[in-house]
């Protein structure tokens, strides 16, 4: 394979590629209400149709999987390799400098929702396949660009693709994260613990709420107690008396749930501030459990679930949400574990700790880890492409605590489009990417497609 010829061909197609990405970004593909032949709403369906028509106009074989997902394909051979992208986007929010569905270029940057996540890379992959086809590069495997339409809402699009019996790739990439590549994604567990119909104790709890979602270190927590109580001065906690009650509010430091050690948990700050109060009842059980079994540690040691692995890191535990009313008192733990972790052991140890505290394990959800060995054919091929394409001879693959679209297929890893050191603007206002880096990423994906398709 001659990367020079492939890069030159993509450079020749630059304006065509940018126009295709622009037209895709101009489609508002935020999830909507299901409609006939549009399971995720009219926006994702329009974006899917656009990608299919683009592939068809280039002469590729196309497939529509009941409007959940689609694909274009080129080449011959018994085996197929794939690029997996998605055409749906998150809502735009406010404070955009340029139209979020414009795809406009200003000062060398293309702006728009989906430019990075994930229309730019996905549409770019279709043009990359055209470049491979036009150059008639020798391939031993077919290449398929698969595009889902529900990644931002749970990826049921590709679950549907698999359940329908559509062909799965022997190896693949998703340009939906960062370079050089991500060979490991921790296993993820969601635990909901607590109790139903909580009994009050010596001090009545009128209100207790903290956090918004399980995978974010909670910034704030609020506790309202009946009666006026003295609370020691605590950093990050404010106390006031209102109408004969005590209102305690905490301010922590937010961080992503995969890196809770970078934040300061607002719930824990508040619980530490009231540790000397004898609240009693089920609330006391929850308070004591969270202070002693979670507290300020973030690796699950007190729960007996701290796994440590030199290659893939250690367990992280984030207390993300706590909610209380007359019918329930519950909290949510986001647990992520490395390669040597054991989900069954985690379940048993967490359940045992809750039972010992007089609490219940109300729900337990699990997402498998992704692990593609660093000496595998896929990782070796992709690291060769990246190192040669960037000149970064010492670049190494990454292990992360988060999850990517790559988990939808076996033997797939995240590969781009964000380069090391670039700001994380995914899901943010003014989502944008430097045009030259966007083109550089498309060249790397093109080289990766050609490399994966060679035996």
Protein backbone atom coordinates (compact mmCIF):
# COMPACT_ATOMS: atom_id res chain seq x y z
CA UNK A 1 0.00 0.00 0.00
CA UNK A 2 1.24 3.43 -0.88
CA UNK A 3 0.12 5.90 1.79
CA UNK A 4 1.53 8.77 -0.28
CA UNK A 5 -0.86 8.04 -3.14
CA UNK A 6 -3.79 7.62 -0.75
CA UNK A 7 -3.01 10.89 1.04
CA UNK A 8 -2.63 12.70 -2.27
CA UNK A 9 -5.98 11.35 -3.47
CA UNK A 10 -7.73 12.50 -0.31
CA UNK A 11 -6.14 15.95 -0.65
CA UNK A 12 -7.52 16.14 -4.19
CA UNK A 13 -10.97 15.35 -2.78
CA UNK A 14 -10.74 17.92 0.04
CA UNK A 15 -13.49 20.30 -1.09
CA UNK A 16 -15.77 17.41 -1.98
CA UNK A 17 -15.21 15.83 1.44
CA UNK A 18 -15.80 19.07 3.33
CA UNK A 19 -18.97 19.71 1.35
CA UNK A 20 -20.26 16.23 2.18
CA UNK A 21 -19.55 16.70 5.87
CA UNK A 22 -21.14 20.16 5.79
CA UNK A 23 -24.34 18.85 4.21
CA UNK A 24 -24.53 16.09 6.81
CA UNK A 25 -23.96 18.49 9.72
CA UNK A 26 -26.78 20.68 8.39
CA UNK A 27 -29.25 17.91 9.21
CA UNK A 28 -30.64 18.21 12.74
CA UNK A 29 -30.33 14.56 13.78
CA UNK A 30 -31.06 14.83 17.50
CA UNK A 31 -33.22 11.89 18.59
CA UNK A 32 -36.95 12.50 18.36
CA UNK A 33 -40.21 10.64 18.84
CA UNK A 34 -40.44 7.36 16.91
CA UNK A 35 -42.32 7.57 13.63
CA UNK A 36 -43.21 5.07 10.94
CA UNK A 37 -39.94 3.93 9.30
CA UNK A 38 -38.05 6.26 11.66
CA UNK A 39 -37.49 4.41 14.97
CA UNK A 40 -35.42 7.26 16.47
CA UNK A 41 -37.32 10.17 14.95
CA UNK A 42 -37.23 12.04 11.65
CA UNK A 43 -33.82 13.69 12.21
CA UNK A 44 -31.72 10.54 12.56
CA UNK A 45 -33.66 9.02 9.65
CA UNK A 46 -32.77 11.98 7.39
CA UNK A 47 -29.12 11.70 8.37
CA UNK A 48 -29.17 7.96 7.68
CA UNK A 49 -30.77 8.52 4.29
CA UNK A 50 -28.13 11.11 3.45
CA UNK A 51 -25.27 8.71 4.17
CA UNK A 52 -26.93 5.91 2.21
CA UNK A 53 -27.58 8.15 -0.78
CA UNK A 54 -24.01 9.43 -0.66
CA UNK A 55 -22.69 5.88 -0.79
CA UNK A 56 -25.12 4.94 -3.53
CA UNK A 57 -24.09 7.95 -5.61
CA UNK A 58 -20.48 6.73 -5.41
CA UNK A 59 -21.48 3.32 -6.72
CA UNK A 60 -21.06 1.36 -3.48
CA UNK A 61 -23.23 -1.50 -2.31
CA UNK A 62 -25.57 -0.16 0.37
CA UNK A 63 -27.72 -1.71 3.07
CA UNK A 64 -30.48 -0.28 5.25
CA UNK A 65 -31.15 -2.25 8.43
CA UNK A 66 -34.79 -1.27 8.94
CA UNK A 67 -33.80 2.39 9.42
CA UNK A 68 -31.94 1.59 12.64
CA UNK A 69 -28.55 1.50 10.94
CA UNK A 70 -27.07 1.42 7.47
CA UNK A 71 -23.85 0.60 5.66
CA UNK A 72 -21.92 0.95 2.44
CA UNK A 73 -19.50 -1.71 1.25
CA UNK A 74 -16.70 -2.21 -1.26
CA UNK A 75 -14.42 -5.05 -2.23
CA UNK A 76 -14.49 -8.82 -2.42
CA UNK A 77 -13.57 -11.63 -0.06
CA UNK A 78 -15.08 -13.89 2.56
CA UNK A 79 -14.11 -11.60 5.45
CA UNK A 80 -15.20 -8.04 6.14
CA UNK A 81 -13.56 -5.24 8.14
CA UNK A 82 -15.47 -2.17 9.25
CA UNK A 83 -15.51 1.43 10.30
CA UNK A 84 -18.36 2.10 12.74
CA UNK A 85 -19.72 5.64 13.07
CA UNK A 86 -23.02 7.26 13.98
CA UNK A 87 -25.24 9.88 12.42
CA UNK A 88 -27.22 10.98 15.49
CA UNK A 89 -26.06 13.89 17.63
CA UNK A 90 -26.73 15.32 21.09
CA UNK A 91 -28.84 18.48 21.51
CA UNK A 92 -27.05 21.72 20.70
CA UNK A 93 -27.61 23.73 23.86
CA UNK A 94 -26.89 27.47 23.90
CA UNK A 95 -23.94 29.86 23.46
CA UNK A 96 -22.88 28.92 19.93
CA UNK A 97 -20.64 31.36 18.10
CA UNK A 98 -21.81 30.01 14.72
CA UNK A 99 -24.94 28.07 13.70
CA UNK A 100 -24.81 24.60 15.29
CA UNK A 101 -26.30 23.04 12.16
CA UNK A 102 -24.27 25.12 9.74
CA UNK A 103 -21.02 23.27 9.17
CA UNK A 104 -19.43 26.65 8.55
CA UNK A 105 -15.68 27.15 8.32
CA UNK A 106 -14.14 30.12 10.14
CA UNK A 107 -10.41 30.71 10.66
CA UNK A 108 -9.59 27.20 9.56
CA UNK A 109 -12.13 25.53 11.89
CA UNK A 110 -15.32 23.75 10.88
CA UNK A 111 -18.10 24.37 13.40
CA UNK A 112 -21.23 22.36 13.99
CA UNK A 113 -22.87 19.67 16.06
CA UNK A 114 -21.44 16.40 14.82
CA UNK A 115 -18.31 17.74 13.16
CA UNK A 116 -16.27 15.71 15.65
CA UNK A 117 -18.93 13.40 17.11
CA UNK A 118 -19.46 11.72 14.74
CA UNK A 119 -20.59 12.93 11.31
CA UNK A 120 -17.24 14.37 10.29
CA UNK A 121 -15.36 11.09 10.80
CA UNK A 122 -18.22 8.92 9.47
CA UNK A 123 -18.84 10.85 6.26
CA UNK A 124 -15.06 11.18 5.96
CA UNK A 125 -14.79 7.38 6.06
CA UNK A 126 -17.18 7.08 3.11
CA UNK A 127 -14.95 9.38 1.05
CA UNK A 128 -11.89 7.48 2.30
CA UNK A 129 -13.41 4.30 0.90
CA UNK A 130 -13.99 6.07 -2.41
CA UNK A 131 -10.30 7.02 -2.50
CA UNK A 132 -9.31 3.40 -1.86
CA UNK A 133 -11.65 2.24 -4.63
CA UNK A 134 -10.50 4.87 -7.14
CA UNK A 135 -6.86 3.95 -6.55
CA UNK A 136 -7.75 0.27 -6.96
CA UNK A 137 -5.68 -0.63 -3.91
CA UNK A 138 -5.22 -4.40 -3.44
CA UNK A 139 -7.57 -5.76 -0.75
CA UNK A 140 -8.05 -9.24 0.69
CA UNK A 141 -11.15 -8.38 2.70
CA UNK A 142 -14.29 -6.37 2.03
CA UNK A 143 -14.57 -2.96 3.73
CA UNK A 144 -17.83 -1.78 5.21
CA UNK A 145 -18.65 1.64 6.68
CA UNK A 146 -21.48 1.07 9.17
CA UNK A 147 -23.44 4.00 10.58
CA UNK A 148 -25.83 3.83 13.51
CA UNK A 149 -28.49 6.36 14.45
CA UNK A 150 -28.87 5.89 18.23
CA UNK A 151 -25.35 5.98 19.69
CA UNK A 152 -26.09 9.00 21.86
CA UNK A 153 -29.12 7.30 23.41
CA UNK A 154 -27.75 3.83 24.15
CA UNK A 155 -26.66 2.31 20.82
CA UNK A 156 -29.76 0.17 20.34
CA UNK A 157 -29.20 0.78 16.61
CA UNK A 158 -26.21 -1.58 16.47
CA UNK A 159 -27.80 -3.98 18.94
CA UNK A 160 -30.60 -4.22 16.37
CA UNK A 161 -28.02 -4.72 13.59
CA UNK A 162 -26.53 -7.67 15.50
CA UNK A 163 -29.89 -9.18 16.50
CA UNK A 164 -31.07 -9.07 12.88
CA UNK A 165 -28.15 -11.32 12.00
CA UNK A 166 -26.26 -8.77 9.90
CA UNK A 167 -22.64 -9.63 9.16
CA UNK A 168 -20.15 -8.65 11.83
CA UNK A 169 -16.59 -7.55 10.99
CA UNK A 170 -13.55 -9.68 11.71
CA UNK A 171 -11.92 -6.47 12.92
CA UNK A 172 -12.73 -2.78 12.89
CA UNK A 173 -12.43 0.73 14.23
CA UNK A 174 -14.75 3.43 15.42
CA UNK A 175 -13.47 6.99 14.86
CA UNK A 176 -15.53 8.15 17.81
CA UNK A 177 -12.97 8.80 20.54
CA UNK A 178 -9.27 9.66 20.35
CA UNK A 179 -5.86 8.70 18.98
CA UNK A 180 -3.59 6.79 18.99
CA UNK A 181 -6.16 4.09 19.82
CA UNK A 182 -7.98 2.66 22.83
CA UNK A 183 -7.22 -1.02 23.37
CA UNK A 184 -8.98 -1.33 26.74
CA UNK A 185 -12.19 0.06 28.19
CA UNK A 186 -13.00 -0.85 31.78
CA UNK A 187 -15.95 -3.03 32.66
CA UNK A 188 -18.75 -0.84 34.01
CA UNK A 189 -21.23 -1.63 36.76
CA UNK A 190 -24.14 0.44 37.98
CA UNK A 191 -25.36 -0.30 41.51
CA UNK A 192 -28.47 1.16 43.10
CA UNK A 193 -28.56 0.59 46.84
CA UNK A 194 -30.78 1.80 49.66
CA UNK A 195 -34.23 0.93 50.96
CA UNK A 196 -37.93 1.27 50.24
CA UNK A 197 -40.35 3.20 52.46
CA UNK A 198 -37.52 4.55 54.64
CA UNK A 199 -38.19 4.85 58.35
CA UNK A 200 -37.40 8.16 60.01
CA UNK A 201 -35.30 8.29 63.16
CA UNK A 202 -34.66 10.74 66.01
CA UNK A 203 -34.16 13.64 63.59
CA UNK A 204 -36.67 13.82 60.74
CA UNK A 205 -35.20 14.23 57.26
CA UNK A 206 -37.39 16.55 55.20
CA UNK A 207 -35.28 16.61 52.05
CA UNK A 208 -32.16 14.86 50.80
CA UNK A 209 -30.86 15.09 47.24
CA UNK A 210 -27.47 15.15 45.58
CA UNK A 211 -26.04 14.72 42.11
CA UNK A 212 -27.72 14.44 38.73
CA UNK A 213 -26.32 11.38 36.94
CA UNK A 214 -24.33 8.37 38.08
CA UNK A 215 -21.27 8.98 35.88
CA UNK A 216 -20.50 12.48 37.18
CA UNK A 217 -18.94 13.34 40.56
CA UNK A 218 -21.78 15.32 42.20
CA UNK A 219 -21.15 19.00 42.54
CA UNK A 220 -23.95 19.72 45.01
CA UNK A 221 -25.93 18.01 47.76
CA UNK A 222 -28.81 19.36 49.89
CA UNK A 223 -30.11 18.05 53.20
CA UNK A 224 -33.00 19.58 55.18
CA UNK A 225 -33.52 18.44 58.77
CA UNK A 226 -36.45 19.17 61.04
CA UNK A 227 -35.39 21.35 63.97
CA UNK A 228 -32.42 23.63 64.43
CA UNK A 229 -29.11 21.81 64.75
CA UNK A 230 -25.57 23.03 65.19
CA UNK A 231 -23.24 21.85 62.40
CA UNK A 232 -19.47 22.43 62.66
CA UNK A 233 -17.89 24.70 60.06
CA UNK A 234 -16.82 22.53 57.15
CA UNK A 235 -15.10 23.57 53.95
CA UNK A 236 -17.53 23.49 51.05
CA UNK A 237 -20.63 23.33 53.29
CA UNK A 238 -23.07 26.11 54.18
CA UNK A 239 -25.65 25.83 56.96
CA UNK A 240 -28.65 28.03 57.66
CA UNK A 241 -31.77 27.86 59.81
CA UNK A 242 -35.12 28.48 58.12
CA UNK A 243 -38.60 28.21 59.62
CA UNK A 244 -37.30 26.10 62.48
CA UNK A 245 -35.44 23.70 60.19
CA UNK A 246 -31.77 23.22 59.28
CA UNK A 247 -30.72 23.49 55.64
CA UNK A 248 -27.29 22.08 54.74
CA UNK A 249 -25.89 22.58 51.23
CA UNK A 250 -22.53 21.40 49.92
CA UNK A 251 -20.38 22.47 46.98
CA UNK A 252 -17.88 19.97 45.66
CA UNK A 253 -15.74 19.73 42.54
CA UNK A 254 -17.24 17.92 39.58
CA UNK A 255 -15.38 15.37 37.42
CA UNK A 256 -16.27 12.49 35.14
CA UNK A 257 -17.30 9.29 36.88
CA UNK A 258 -14.44 7.40 35.25
CA UNK A 259 -11.94 9.63 37.10
CA UNK A 260 -13.60 10.35 40.47
CA UNK A 261 -10.21 11.01 42.05
CA UNK A 262 -10.13 14.30 40.10
CA UNK A 263 -13.26 15.59 41.82
CA UNK A 264 -14.53 16.31 45.32
CA UNK A 265 -17.82 14.52 45.99
CA UNK A 266 -20.49 16.95 47.20
CA UNK A 267 -22.52 14.17 48.85
CA UNK A 268 -19.57 12.91 50.90
CA UNK A 269 -18.64 16.46 51.98
CA UNK A 270 -22.14 16.93 53.35
CA UNK A 271 -22.24 13.55 55.10
CA UNK A 272 -18.92 14.29 56.78
CA UNK A 273 -20.34 17.59 58.03
CA UNK A 274 -23.28 15.90 59.80
CA UNK A 275 -21.43 12.81 61.07
CA UNK A 276 -21.90 13.76 64.74
CA UNK A 277 -25.69 14.09 64.47
CA UNK A 278 -27.75 11.12 65.67
CA UNK A 279 -30.27 11.08 62.83
CA UNK A 280 -31.32 7.48 63.31
CA UNK A 281 -33.64 5.28 61.25
CA UNK A 282 -32.89 4.15 57.72
CA UNK A 283 -31.23 7.47 56.94
CA UNK A 284 -28.58 6.75 59.55
CA UNK A 285 -27.91 3.37 57.91
CA UNK A 286 -27.39 5.01 54.52
CA UNK A 287 -25.27 7.83 55.93
CA UNK A 288 -23.02 5.41 57.82
CA UNK A 289 -22.67 3.05 54.86
CA UNK A 290 -21.67 5.82 52.47
CA UNK A 291 -19.23 7.38 54.91
CA UNK A 292 -17.51 4.12 55.87
CA UNK A 293 -17.70 2.08 52.64
CA UNK A 294 -17.30 4.90 50.09
CA UNK A 295 -16.06 8.02 51.87
CA UNK A 296 -13.26 9.87 50.16
CA UNK A 297 -11.62 6.81 48.68
CA UNK A 298 -12.36 6.21 45.01
CA UNK A 299 -10.93 2.72 44.41
CA UNK A 300 -13.46 0.50 46.20
CA UNK A 301 -11.01 -0.78 48.81
CA UNK A 302 -13.49 -0.65 51.69
CA UNK A 303 -16.02 -2.57 49.61
CA UNK A 304 -13.43 -5.26 48.83
CA UNK A 305 -13.51 -4.55 45.10
CA UNK A 306 -10.18 -2.77 44.57
CA UNK A 307 -8.52 -4.49 41.60
CA UNK A 308 -5.20 -3.17 40.36
CA UNK A 309 -3.58 -4.01 37.04
CA UNK A 310 -0.38 -2.49 35.69
CA UNK A 311 -1.66 -2.51 32.11
CA UNK A 312 -5.26 -1.35 32.61
CA UNK A 313 -5.37 0.62 35.87
CA UNK A 314 -7.43 0.12 39.02
CA UNK A 315 -11.06 0.07 40.11
CA UNK A 316 -12.89 3.37 40.39
CA UNK A 317 -16.08 3.96 42.38
CA UNK A 318 -18.21 7.08 42.04
CA UNK A 319 -21.17 7.89 44.27
CA UNK A 320 -23.13 9.85 41.68
CA UNK A 321 -26.70 10.35 42.91
CA UNK A 322 -28.70 10.20 46.11
CA UNK A 323 -32.47 10.67 46.27
CA UNK A 324 -35.03 10.41 49.05
CA UNK A 325 -38.77 10.65 49.49
CA UNK A 326 -41.46 8.82 51.49
CA UNK A 327 -41.34 5.79 49.18
CA UNK A 328 -37.62 5.31 48.64
CA UNK A 329 -34.13 6.22 49.75
CA UNK A 330 -31.51 5.22 47.24
CA UNK A 331 -28.05 6.01 45.93
CA UNK A 332 -26.24 5.14 42.70
CA UNK A 333 -22.68 3.84 42.46
CA UNK A 334 -20.76 3.90 39.16
CA UNK A 335 -18.08 1.17 39.39
CA UNK A 336 -15.42 0.59 36.72
CA UNK A 337 -12.92 -2.21 36.93
CA UNK A 338 -9.69 -3.21 35.12
CA UNK A 339 -8.79 -6.39 33.24
CA UNK A 340 -8.33 -8.53 36.36
CA UNK A 341 -11.66 -7.46 37.87
CA UNK A 342 -14.50 -9.94 38.45
CA UNK A 343 -18.07 -8.69 38.07
CA UNK A 344 -19.54 -11.62 40.05
CA UNK A 345 -17.19 -10.95 42.94
CA UNK A 346 -18.07 -7.25 42.80
CA UNK A 347 -21.76 -8.11 42.97
CA UNK A 348 -21.26 -10.47 45.93
CA UNK A 349 -19.06 -8.07 47.91
CA UNK A 350 -21.27 -5.03 47.35
CA UNK A 351 -24.41 -7.04 48.18
CA UNK A 352 -22.79 -8.39 51.36
CA UNK A 353 -21.71 -4.90 52.47
CA UNK A 354 -25.23 -3.54 51.89
CA UNK A 355 -26.84 -6.40 53.79
CA UNK A 356 -24.46 -5.92 56.72
CA UNK A 357 -25.58 -2.28 56.82
CA UNK A 358 -29.25 -3.28 56.78
CA UNK A 359 -29.72 -2.05 53.20
CA UNK A 360 -30.79 -3.57 49.90
CA UNK A 361 -29.16 -3.95 46.52
CA UNK A 362 -32.06 -2.57 44.45
CA UNK A 363 -30.51 -2.85 40.99
CA UNK A 364 -27.30 -4.07 39.36
CA UNK A 365 -26.39 -3.32 35.73
CA UNK A 366 -23.26 -4.42 33.89
CA UNK A 367 -21.40 -3.59 30.68
CA UNK A 368 -18.52 -5.86 29.72
CA UNK A 369 -14.99 -4.55 29.42
CA UNK A 370 -13.38 -4.18 26.01
CA UNK A 371 -9.93 -5.70 25.72
CA UNK A 372 -8.05 -6.14 22.47
CA UNK A 373 -4.49 -7.27 23.34
CA UNK A 374 -1.75 -4.88 22.37
CA UNK A 375 0.04 -7.64 20.44
CA UNK A 376 -3.10 -8.46 18.39
CA UNK A 377 -3.15 -8.09 14.61
CA UNK A 378 -5.62 -5.21 14.86
CA UNK A 379 -3.68 -3.12 17.37
CA UNK A 380 -0.38 -3.77 15.61
CA UNK A 381 -1.81 -2.72 12.25
CA UNK A 382 -3.39 0.45 13.61
CA UNK A 383 -0.37 1.54 15.64
CA UNK A 384 1.76 1.09 12.50
CA UNK A 385 -0.67 3.30 10.58
CA UNK A 386 -0.70 5.94 13.31
CA UNK A 387 3.05 6.05 13.87
CA UNK A 388 3.83 6.23 10.16
CA UNK A 389 1.05 8.72 9.49
CA UNK A 390 2.01 11.12 12.28
CA UNK A 391 5.71 10.52 12.76
CA UNK A 392 5.05 9.80 16.46
CA UNK A 393 7.28 6.73 16.72
CA UNK A 394 6.82 6.40 20.48
CA UNK A 395 3.01 6.63 20.50
CA UNK A 396 1.34 3.97 22.65
CA UNK A 397 -2.24 2.65 22.79
CA UNK A 398 -4.44 3.73 25.69
CA UNK A 399 -6.54 2.11 28.41
CA UNK A 400 -9.49 4.22 29.61
CA UNK A 401 -12.25 4.12 32.18
CA UNK A 402 -14.94 5.32 29.80
CA UNK A 403 -16.82 3.40 27.14
CA UNK A 404 -16.97 3.90 23.37
CA UNK A 405 -18.97 2.64 20.40
CA UNK A 406 -16.29 -0.01 19.87
CA UNK A 407 -17.97 -2.21 22.48
CA UNK A 408 -20.73 -2.97 19.97
CA UNK A 409 -18.53 -5.46 18.09
CA UNK A 410 -15.81 -7.94 19.00
CA UNK A 411 -12.27 -7.10 17.90
CA UNK A 412 -12.98 -3.41 17.41
CA UNK A 413 -11.21 -0.42 18.96
CA UNK A 414 -11.67 3.34 19.03
CA UNK A 415 -9.27 5.08 16.63
CA UNK A 416 -9.51 8.90 16.50
CA UNK A 417 -10.65 11.46 15.59
CA UNK A 418 -9.32 13.65 18.44
CA UNK A 419 -5.53 13.99 18.54
CA UNK A 420 -3.48 13.93 21.77
CA UNK A 421 -3.44 17.30 23.50
CA UNK A 422 -6.47 18.70 21.67
CA UNK A 423 -9.30 20.07 23.83
CA UNK A 424 -12.32 17.89 24.51
CA UNK A 425 -15.20 19.77 22.88
CA UNK A 426 -17.49 16.80 22.26
CA UNK A 427 -21.06 17.57 23.41
CA UNK A 428 -20.02 21.17 24.11
CA UNK A 429 -21.21 24.43 22.54
CA UNK A 430 -19.06 25.42 19.55
CA UNK A 431 -18.14 21.83 18.70
CA UNK A 432 -15.47 22.25 16.02
CA UNK A 433 -12.35 20.76 14.51
CA UNK A 434 -9.45 22.24 12.62
CA UNK A 435 -10.00 21.47 8.95
CA UNK A 436 -6.42 20.29 8.55
CA UNK A 437 -6.74 17.91 11.51
CA UNK A 438 -10.07 16.66 10.22
CA UNK A 439 -8.41 15.88 6.88
CA UNK A 440 -5.44 14.30 8.68
CA UNK A 441 -7.81 12.06 10.63
CA UNK A 442 -9.59 10.99 7.44
CA UNK A 443 -6.22 10.06 5.92
CA UNK A 444 -5.39 7.94 8.97
CA UNK A 445 -8.77 6.22 8.80
CA UNK A 446 -8.28 5.58 5.07
CA UNK A 447 -4.88 4.01 5.74
CA UNK A 448 -6.36 1.98 8.59
CA UNK A 449 -9.16 0.68 6.34
CA UNK A 450 -6.69 -0.40 3.66
CA UNK A 451 -4.34 -1.96 6.24
CA UNK A 452 -7.12 -3.93 7.98
CA UNK A 453 -8.33 -5.21 4.60
CA UNK A 454 -4.92 -6.74 3.81
CA UNK A 455 -4.01 -10.16 5.22
